[in-house]
Amino acid sequence: MGNIKDFVDYSIGYDPDAVEHDLQVISQLTRGIKGGRKKLTMQESQAIYYKIKDADIRFQSNTGEAFLLSLYENMTDVQIQAINGEIRRKRQRKQSRRQLVRINRKIAAIVSAVVLVSSLLCINWSLLMDLRTNYQTKKLQEKVIVQSDNLKDDKSDASPISDEGTVFFPNEDETNTAQDNTSDGGILLKFTQLYNENPDFAGWLRIPGTKIDYPVMSREGDNNYYLDKNFEQQHDKNGLLILDYRNSIKNDMVSGGQNLIIYGHNMRTGVMFGTLKNYKEKSFCDEHMTISFDTLYEECEYRVVAAMLSSVAYEDEDVFRYYDAIDISTEENFNAFKENIMSNAIYTTDESIVYGDTCLILSTCDNYKEDGRFVVIAKKV
């Protein structure tokens, strides 16, 4: 090709800085092309033209424009169109990649936002569920309190002194009625409203020093129904405390001979049996020995005997299943129950159980092993 000076004549009368710029660009574009030829070959022109279009080079003087014109003269229109088309496609691909990157970034940002919002919603939803559980429990507690207060008022109205100051001695039937805290069906009057609202209501469990102050439900033939339902039988992940349906709180409780088993979720927030794990520490147990479980028919207190870790066993395992140790009406069953409790306990207390006792077993999940359970055993006093 010719020297770069061959294109200088076109720069006369123009900005010398622009001319200098274009000459440097032309020098870079033609670097490495040999020969003292005056004219570029078609292939060389194509290669240089492709570089110009690909890099989107803009000439600033007639010198550069003349150089570009010389390239046009060495190529056919078809070649120019082919190069321009290839450059357009290349730029479109770049633009598509940039757009895809922008879209992916937006998608990533949206996904991150959704994950964050979902996490917040899950956390807040759990908190809302706990708040709802606590609110509903408080309303149920208030109903029991109101019923109890009404009962006290009724008793205070039954004064043995008449308006005239005469002492009135009620007959035996009236005395029994005044002292009777139960309805015609034998249900404690303080529980009649809750029982009328939900016949699955079986009693109330309260343990001072913990959050455990909840109604206990028992549904015939089904220990799972209230695992995810509240007192109104609406869905609730916290569920309720569940008395094993195999227990009989009306006929057998007074005479003894059975263990009452209550199940509840070990919730991280502490609701239901979430604070039962406090009894893993014997020091806590020593300060909170008494457990109150009032059934529909009887107000009862229990004293802690032992705490133990256990698990749900496979069918073919020959192990002690505390959750099946309900009938202890025979000495053989009682002795087997007592022996297994004492041998598996993480600690025992000064309280001891003897044949004929009724025991309360509180059971919740524990992650110390797969299908692990933490169990507190107390006896009726």
Protein backbone atom coordinates (compact mmCIF):
# COMPACT_ATOMS: atom_id res chain seq x y z
CA MET A 1 0.00 0.00 0.00
CA GLY A 2 1.04 3.63 -0.26
CA ASN A 3 2.43 5.77 2.54
CA ILE A 4 0.08 7.48 4.96
CA LYS A 5 1.21 10.74 3.39
CA ASP A 6 -0.79 9.78 0.30
CA PHE A 7 -3.90 10.85 2.28
CA VAL A 8 -2.49 14.12 3.68
CA ASP A 9 -3.59 16.21 0.68
CA TYR A 10 -7.20 15.81 1.78
CA SER A 11 -6.50 17.59 5.06
CA ILE A 12 -5.62 20.99 3.60
CA GLY A 13 -7.67 23.71 5.25
CA TYR A 14 -8.81 21.50 8.17
CA ASP A 15 -7.96 21.27 11.82
CA PRO A 16 -4.41 19.91 12.10
CA ASP A 17 -5.26 18.11 15.36
CA ALA A 18 -8.07 16.27 13.60
CA VAL A 19 -5.71 15.38 10.75
CA GLU A 20 -3.09 14.14 13.21
CA HIS A 21 -5.74 12.04 14.99
CA ASP A 22 -6.89 10.43 11.74
CA LEU A 23 -3.31 9.74 10.57
CA GLN A 24 -2.57 7.94 13.85
CA VAL A 25 -5.75 5.86 13.47
CA ILE A 26 -4.88 5.00 9.87
CA SER A 27 -1.35 4.06 10.94
CA GLN A 28 -2.70 1.68 13.55
CA LEU A 29 -5.18 0.16 11.10
CA THR A 30 -2.60 -0.46 8.39
CA ARG A 31 0.24 -1.55 10.64
CA GLY A 32 1.75 -4.84 9.48
CA ILE A 33 0.46 -4.58 5.90
CA LYS A 34 3.49 -4.93 3.62
CA GLY A 35 4.48 -3.56 0.30
CA GLY A 36 4.96 -0.28 -1.40
CA ARG A 37 1.71 -0.56 -3.25
CA LYS A 38 -0.37 2.53 -3.88
CA LYS A 39 -3.59 0.65 -3.38
CA LEU A 40 -4.88 -1.81 -0.81
CA THR A 41 -6.03 -5.20 -1.96
CA MET A 42 -9.68 -6.19 -1.63
CA GLN A 43 -8.95 -8.56 1.29
CA GLU A 44 -6.90 -5.90 3.08
CA SER A 45 -9.64 -3.35 2.55
CA GLN A 46 -12.23 -5.78 3.94
CA ALA A 47 -10.12 -6.50 7.03
CA ILE A 48 -9.51 -2.80 7.77
CA TYR A 49 -13.13 -1.87 7.10
CA TYR A 50 -14.28 -4.60 9.49
CA LYS A 51 -11.97 -3.18 12.20
CA ILE A 52 -13.35 0.32 11.62
CA LYS A 53 -16.95 -0.81 11.89
CA ASP A 54 -16.34 -3.21 14.76
CA ALA A 55 -14.55 -0.55 16.83
CA ASP A 56 -16.99 2.15 15.62
CA ILE A 57 -14.08 4.41 14.61
CA ARG A 58 -15.03 7.97 13.64
CA PHE A 59 -12.71 9.99 11.42
CA GLN A 60 -12.42 13.68 12.17
CA SER A 61 -10.95 15.08 8.94
CA ASN A 62 -11.01 14.76 5.16
CA THR A 63 -7.88 12.65 5.48
CA GLY A 64 -9.79 9.97 7.36
CA GLU A 65 -12.81 10.23 5.07
CA ALA A 66 -10.55 9.82 2.02
CA PHE A 67 -9.01 6.72 3.57
CA LEU A 68 -12.47 5.28 4.21
CA LEU A 69 -13.50 6.11 0.63
CA SER A 70 -10.47 4.24 -0.68
CA LEU A 71 -11.65 1.20 1.24
CA TYR A 72 -15.10 1.46 -0.36
CA GLU A 73 -13.52 1.56 -3.81
CA ASN A 74 -11.68 -1.70 -3.17
CA MET A 75 -14.85 -3.55 -2.09
CA THR A 76 -18.14 -4.40 -3.72
CA ASP A 77 -21.48 -3.33 -2.30
CA VAL A 78 -22.21 -6.95 -1.42
CA GLN A 79 -19.03 -7.16 0.65
CA ILE A 80 -19.81 -3.89 2.43
CA GLN A 81 -23.35 -5.03 3.21
CA ALA A 82 -22.08 -8.40 4.44
CA ILE A 83 -19.58 -6.73 6.78
CA ASN A 84 -22.17 -4.24 8.01
CA GLY A 85 -24.63 -7.07 8.59
CA GLU A 86 -22.07 -9.10 10.52
CA ILE A 87 -21.19 -6.05 12.64
CA ARG A 88 -24.87 -5.41 13.36
CA ARG A 89 -25.38 -9.03 14.39
CA LYS A 90 -22.32 -8.92 16.59
CA ARG A 91 -23.51 -5.74 18.27
CA GLN A 92 -26.99 -7.20 18.69
CA ARG A 93 -25.47 -10.24 20.37
CA LYS A 94 -23.49 -8.00 22.68
CA GLN A 95 -26.58 -5.95 23.37
CA SER A 96 -28.59 -9.14 23.99
CA ARG A 97 -25.93 -10.40 26.39
CA ARG A 98 -25.92 -7.07 28.23
CA GLN A 99 -29.69 -7.11 28.33
CA LEU A 100 -29.65 -10.70 29.57
CA VAL A 101 -27.16 -9.75 32.28
CA ARG A 102 -29.40 -6.83 33.28
CA ILE A 103 -32.44 -9.13 33.31
CA ASN A 104 -30.58 -11.74 35.35
CA ARG A 105 -29.51 -9.07 37.80
CA LYS A 106 -33.09 -7.88 38.08
CA ILE A 107 -34.29 -11.45 38.53
CA ALA A 108 -31.61 -12.05 41.17
CA ALA A 109 -32.62 -8.86 42.93
CA ILE A 110 -36.30 -9.83 42.76
CA VAL A 111 -35.59 -13.37 44.00
CA SER A 112 -33.48 -11.99 46.84
CA ALA A 113 -36.27 -9.57 47.72
CA VAL A 114 -38.86 -12.37 47.57
CA VAL A 115 -36.70 -14.61 49.76
CA LEU A 116 -36.19 -11.78 52.22
CA VAL A 117 -39.88 -10.91 52.27
CA SER A 118 -40.81 -14.60 52.55
CA SER A 119 -38.39 -15.04 55.45
CA LEU A 120 -39.81 -11.99 57.17
CA LEU A 121 -43.33 -13.21 56.50
CA CYS A 122 -42.50 -16.66 57.89
CA ILE A 123 -40.98 -15.14 60.99
CA ASN A 124 -43.81 -12.68 61.40
CA TRP A 125 -46.37 -15.37 60.56
CA SER A 126 -44.96 -17.57 63.32
CA LEU A 127 -45.10 -14.62 65.68
CA LEU A 128 -48.65 -13.88 64.58
CA MET A 129 -49.64 -17.50 65.12
CA ASP A 130 -48.11 -17.41 68.60
CA LEU A 131 -49.89 -14.16 69.35
CA ARG A 132 -53.15 -15.71 68.19
CA THR A 133 -52.50 -18.80 70.32
CA ASN A 134 -51.75 -16.65 73.36
CA TYR A 135 -54.80 -14.47 72.74
CA GLN A 136 -57.14 -17.44 72.34
CA THR A 137 -55.69 -19.12 75.43
CA LYS A 138 -56.23 -15.94 77.43
CA LYS A 139 -59.86 -15.79 76.30
CA LEU A 140 -60.36 -19.40 77.38
CA GLN A 141 -58.71 -18.69 80.72
CA GLU A 142 -61.03 -15.74 81.24
CA LYS A 143 -64.07 -17.93 80.64
CA VAL A 144 -62.88 -20.37 83.31
CA ILE A 145 -62.22 -17.50 85.72
CA VAL A 146 -65.65 -15.99 85.08
CA GLN A 147 -67.33 -19.34 85.71
CA SER A 148 -65.31 -19.79 88.91
CA ASP A 149 -66.19 -16.27 90.11
CA ASN A 150 -69.86 -16.88 89.42
CA LEU A 151 -69.67 -20.07 91.44
CA LYS A 152 -68.12 -18.21 94.38
CA ASP A 153 -70.83 -15.53 94.18
CA ASP A 154 -73.54 -18.19 94.22
CA LYS A 155 -72.02 -19.72 97.33
CA SER A 156 -71.75 -16.37 99.12
CA ASP A 157 -75.43 -15.66 98.41
CA ALA A 158 -76.43 -18.86 100.20
CA SER A 159 -76.07 -17.25 103.65
CA PRO A 160 -77.26 -19.22 106.74
CA ILE A 161 -78.69 -15.99 108.24
CA SER A 162 -82.08 -14.73 107.13
CA ASP A 163 -82.98 -11.10 106.52
CA GLU A 164 -84.63 -11.02 109.96
CA GLY A 165 -81.41 -12.15 111.60
CA THR A 166 -82.64 -15.68 112.22
CA VAL A 167 -80.11 -18.43 111.71
CA PHE A 168 -81.23 -20.72 108.91
CA PHE A 169 -80.01 -24.31 108.90
CA PRO A 170 -80.26 -25.85 105.44
CA ASN A 171 -81.27 -29.45 105.19
CA GLU A 172 -78.83 -32.12 104.02
CA ASP A 173 -79.80 -31.89 100.36
CA GLU A 174 -79.33 -28.12 100.32
CA THR A 175 -75.97 -28.43 102.03
CA ASN A 176 -74.78 -30.91 99.44
CA THR A 177 -75.98 -28.62 96.66
CA ALA A 178 -74.11 -25.64 98.10
CA GLN A 179 -70.93 -27.63 98.36
CA ASP A 180 -71.25 -29.25 94.97
CA ASN A 181 -69.09 -27.59 92.28
CA THR A 182 -70.30 -29.79 89.50
CA SER A 183 -73.15 -29.72 87.00
CA ASP A 184 -75.80 -32.37 86.65
CA GLY A 185 -73.47 -34.28 84.33
CA GLY A 186 -70.69 -34.28 86.91
CA ILE A 187 -68.62 -31.69 85.00
CA LEU A 188 -66.91 -29.01 87.07
CA LEU A 189 -69.00 -25.86 86.74
CA LYS A 190 -65.94 -23.78 85.85
CA PHE A 191 -65.49 -25.93 82.74
CA THR A 192 -69.10 -26.18 81.57
CA GLN A 193 -68.87 -23.29 79.11
CA LEU A 194 -65.70 -24.62 77.45
CA TYR A 195 -67.16 -28.11 77.28
CA ASN A 196 -70.36 -26.77 75.68
CA GLU A 197 -68.28 -24.90 73.09
CA ASN A 198 -66.15 -27.96 72.29
CA PRO A 199 -67.01 -31.43 73.66
CA ASP A 200 -63.42 -32.53 72.98
CA PHE A 201 -62.30 -30.38 75.91
CA ALA A 202 -60.96 -32.72 78.61
CA GLY A 203 -59.38 -30.44 81.21
CA TRP A 204 -56.75 -27.82 81.94
CA LEU A 205 -53.01 -28.25 82.57
CA ARG A 206 -51.01 -25.61 84.43
CA ILE A 207 -47.37 -25.70 85.55
CA PRO A 208 -46.12 -22.70 87.57
CA GLY A 209 -42.77 -21.36 86.38
CA THR A 210 -43.46 -22.27 82.73
CA LYS A 211 -45.70 -21.02 79.93
CA ILE A 212 -47.80 -24.17 80.26
CA ASP A 213 -51.32 -23.00 81.08
CA TYR A 214 -53.49 -24.55 78.38
CA PRO A 215 -56.65 -26.50 77.73
CA VAL A 216 -56.23 -30.22 77.12
CA MET A 217 -58.20 -31.90 74.36
CA SER A 218 -59.19 -35.54 73.79
CA ARG A 219 -60.88 -36.68 70.58
CA GLU A 220 -62.30 -40.18 70.46
CA GLY A 221 -60.03 -42.54 68.55
CA ASP A 222 -57.67 -39.79 67.32
CA ASN A 223 -54.51 -38.49 69.01
CA ASN A 224 -53.51 -36.44 65.95
CA TYR A 225 -56.52 -34.21 65.35
CA TYR A 226 -55.38 -31.35 67.59
CA LEU A 227 -51.74 -31.48 66.53
CA ASP A 228 -52.48 -28.64 64.10
CA LYS A 229 -55.80 -27.22 65.30
CA ASN A 230 -56.86 -24.76 67.98
CA PHE A 231 -59.83 -24.83 70.32
CA GLU A 232 -62.12 -23.54 67.55
CA GLN A 233 -60.83 -26.41 65.39
CA GLN A 234 -59.15 -23.95 63.02
CA HIS A 235 -55.73 -24.69 61.53
CA ASP A 236 -52.93 -23.72 63.92
CA LYS A 237 -49.37 -25.00 63.67
CA ASN A 238 -49.04 -24.83 67.46
CA GLY A 239 -51.90 -27.25 67.95
CA LEU A 240 -53.11 -27.95 71.49
CA LEU A 241 -52.24 -30.27 74.36
CA ILE A 242 -53.72 -33.71 73.76
CA LEU A 243 -54.84 -36.29 76.30
CA ASP A 244 -54.41 -39.80 74.91
CA TYR A 245 -57.84 -40.94 73.74
CA ARG A 246 -57.26 -44.29 75.46
CA ASN A 247 -57.44 -42.55 78.84
CA SER A 248 -60.69 -42.43 80.76
CA ILE A 249 -60.93 -39.33 82.92
CA LYS A 250 -64.45 -40.02 84.15
CA ASN A 251 -64.53 -43.62 85.28
CA ASP A 252 -61.02 -44.67 86.21
CA MET A 253 -59.30 -41.54 87.44
CA VAL A 254 -60.55 -41.56 91.02
CA SER A 255 -59.88 -45.25 91.56
CA GLY A 256 -56.45 -45.08 89.97
CA GLY A 257 -54.92 -47.90 87.97
CA GLN A 258 -54.07 -45.87 84.89
CA ASN A 259 -51.52 -43.40 83.62
CA LEU A 260 -52.78 -40.21 82.03
CA ILE A 261 -50.64 -39.23 79.02
CA ILE A 262 -50.63 -35.70 77.60
CA TYR A 263 -48.82 -34.84 74.37
CA GLY A 264 -47.79 -31.38 73.13
CA HIS A 265 -45.52 -29.74 70.56
CA ASN A 266 -42.07 -28.59 71.66
CA MET A 267 -42.36 -25.16 70.02
CA ARG A 268 -39.24 -22.99 69.84
CA THR A 269 -41.24 -19.95 70.88
CA GLY A 270 -42.17 -21.69 74.12
CA VAL A 271 -45.88 -22.19 73.50
CA MET A 272 -47.55 -25.52 74.29
CA PHE A 273 -44.80 -27.82 75.67
CA GLY A 274 -41.98 -25.52 74.53
CA THR A 275 -40.97 -24.86 78.16
CA LEU A 276 -41.40 -28.44 79.41
CA LYS A 277 -37.70 -28.88 78.65
CA ASN A 278 -36.99 -26.74 81.74
CA TYR A 279 -37.48 -29.99 83.63
CA LYS A 280 -34.30 -31.36 82.13
CA GLU A 281 -32.59 -29.48 84.95
CA LYS A 282 -33.24 -31.11 88.32
CA SER A 283 -32.71 -27.77 90.03
CA PHE A 284 -35.72 -26.41 88.13
CA CYS A 285 -37.73 -29.48 89.05
CA ASP A 286 -36.86 -29.11 92.73
CA GLU A 287 -38.40 -25.63 92.68
CA HIS A 288 -41.44 -26.61 90.56
CA MET A 289 -42.50 -30.01 91.83
CA THR A 290 -46.25 -29.43 91.61
CA ILE A 291 -48.26 -29.79 88.42
CA SER A 292 -51.95 -28.96 88.23
CA PHE A 293 -54.18 -30.95 85.91
CA ASP A 294 -57.89 -30.39 86.42
CA THR A 295 -60.01 -32.74 84.36
CA LEU A 296 -63.63 -32.08 83.50
CA TYR A 297 -64.62 -33.92 86.67
CA GLU A 298 -61.87 -33.39 89.22
CA GLU A 299 -59.32 -30.83 90.40
CA CYS A 300 -56.00 -32.62 90.85
CA GLU A 301 -52.40 -31.92 91.75
CA TYR A 302 -49.41 -34.04 90.84
CA ARG A 303 -45.85 -34.18 92.15
CA VAL A 304 -42.95 -34.87 89.81
CA VAL A 305 -41.40 -38.31 90.22
CA ALA A 306 -38.88 -38.44 87.35
CA ALA A 307 -37.84 -37.06 83.97
CA MET A 308 -36.45 -39.14 81.14
CA LEU A 309 -35.40 -39.17 77.51
CA SER A 310 -37.04 -41.76 75.28
CA SER A 311 -38.09 -42.28 71.68
CA VAL A 312 -40.79 -43.69 69.45
CA ALA A 313 -39.83 -47.32 68.88
CA TYR A 314 -40.23 -49.43 65.76
CA GLU A 315 -42.84 -52.16 65.85
CA ASP A 316 -40.29 -54.98 66.01
CA GLU A 317 -38.22 -53.38 68.79
CA ASP A 318 -38.44 -55.03 72.18
CA VAL A 319 -38.20 -51.86 74.28
CA PHE A 320 -40.19 -50.01 76.91
CA ARG A 321 -42.89 -47.84 75.35
CA TYR A 322 -43.99 -45.31 77.94
CA TYR A 323 -46.77 -44.12 75.62
CA ASP A 324 -48.40 -47.55 75.81
CA ALA A 325 -48.07 -47.85 79.60
CA ILE A 326 -51.61 -46.71 80.32
CA ASP A 327 -53.09 -49.65 82.22
CA ILE A 328 -51.21 -50.16 85.49
CA SER A 329 -54.16 -51.70 87.31
CA THR A 330 -52.30 -54.98 87.91
CA GLU A 331 -49.20 -55.26 90.06
CA GLU A 332 -47.33 -56.83 87.15
CA ASN A 333 -48.04 -53.86 84.86
CA PHE A 334 -47.32 -51.36 87.61
CA ASN A 335 -44.00 -52.93 88.57
CA ALA A 336 -42.90 -53.08 84.93
CA PHE A 337 -43.82 -49.43 84.49
CA LYS A 338 -42.02 -48.32 87.66
CA GLU A 339 -38.90 -50.36 86.88
CA ASN A 340 -38.60 -48.94 83.36
CA ILE A 341 -39.19 -45.37 84.50
CA MET A 342 -36.53 -45.58 87.18
CA SER A 343 -33.98 -47.28 84.92
CA ASN A 344 -34.45 -44.80 82.05
CA ALA A 345 -34.77 -41.60 84.11
CA ILE A 346 -32.20 -38.82 83.77
CA TYR A 347 -33.06 -38.08 87.39
CA THR A 348 -35.64 -38.98 90.03
CA THR A 349 -37.06 -36.99 92.94
CA ASP A 350 -37.88 -37.85 96.52
CA GLU A 351 -41.41 -38.66 95.43
CA SER A 352 -42.04 -42.37 94.92
CA ILE A 353 -44.88 -44.25 93.28
CA VAL A 354 -46.64 -47.24 94.76
CA TYR A 355 -49.13 -49.69 93.40
CA GLY A 356 -52.53 -48.01 93.08
CA ASP A 357 -51.14 -44.56 92.20
CA THR A 358 -52.37 -42.61 89.21
CA CYS A 359 -49.53 -41.03 87.23
CA LEU A 360 -49.45 -38.11 84.80
CA ILE A 361 -47.05 -38.45 81.86
CA LEU A 362 -46.18 -35.31 79.87
CA SER A 363 -44.56 -36.05 76.51
CA THR A 364 -42.99 -33.80 73.88
CA CYS A 365 -40.51 -34.09 71.00
CA ASP A 366 -36.79 -33.79 71.66
CA ASN A 367 -34.07 -33.62 69.00
CA TYR A 368 -31.44 -35.44 71.03
CA LYS A 369 -32.05 -38.29 68.55
CA GLU A 370 -34.38 -39.16 65.68
CA ASP A 371 -37.96 -39.43 66.96
CA GLY A 372 -36.65 -38.48 70.39
CA ARG A 373 -39.01 -37.63 73.25
CA PHE A 374 -38.64 -35.83 76.55
CA VAL A 375 -40.97 -37.11 79.25
CA VAL A 376 -41.95 -35.89 82.72
CA ILE A 377 -43.69 -38.32 85.08
CA ALA A 378 -45.68 -37.12 88.08
CA LYS A 379 -48.01 -38.84 90.53
CA LYS A 380 -51.39 -37.75 91.78
CA VAL A 381 -51.46 -36.50 95.36
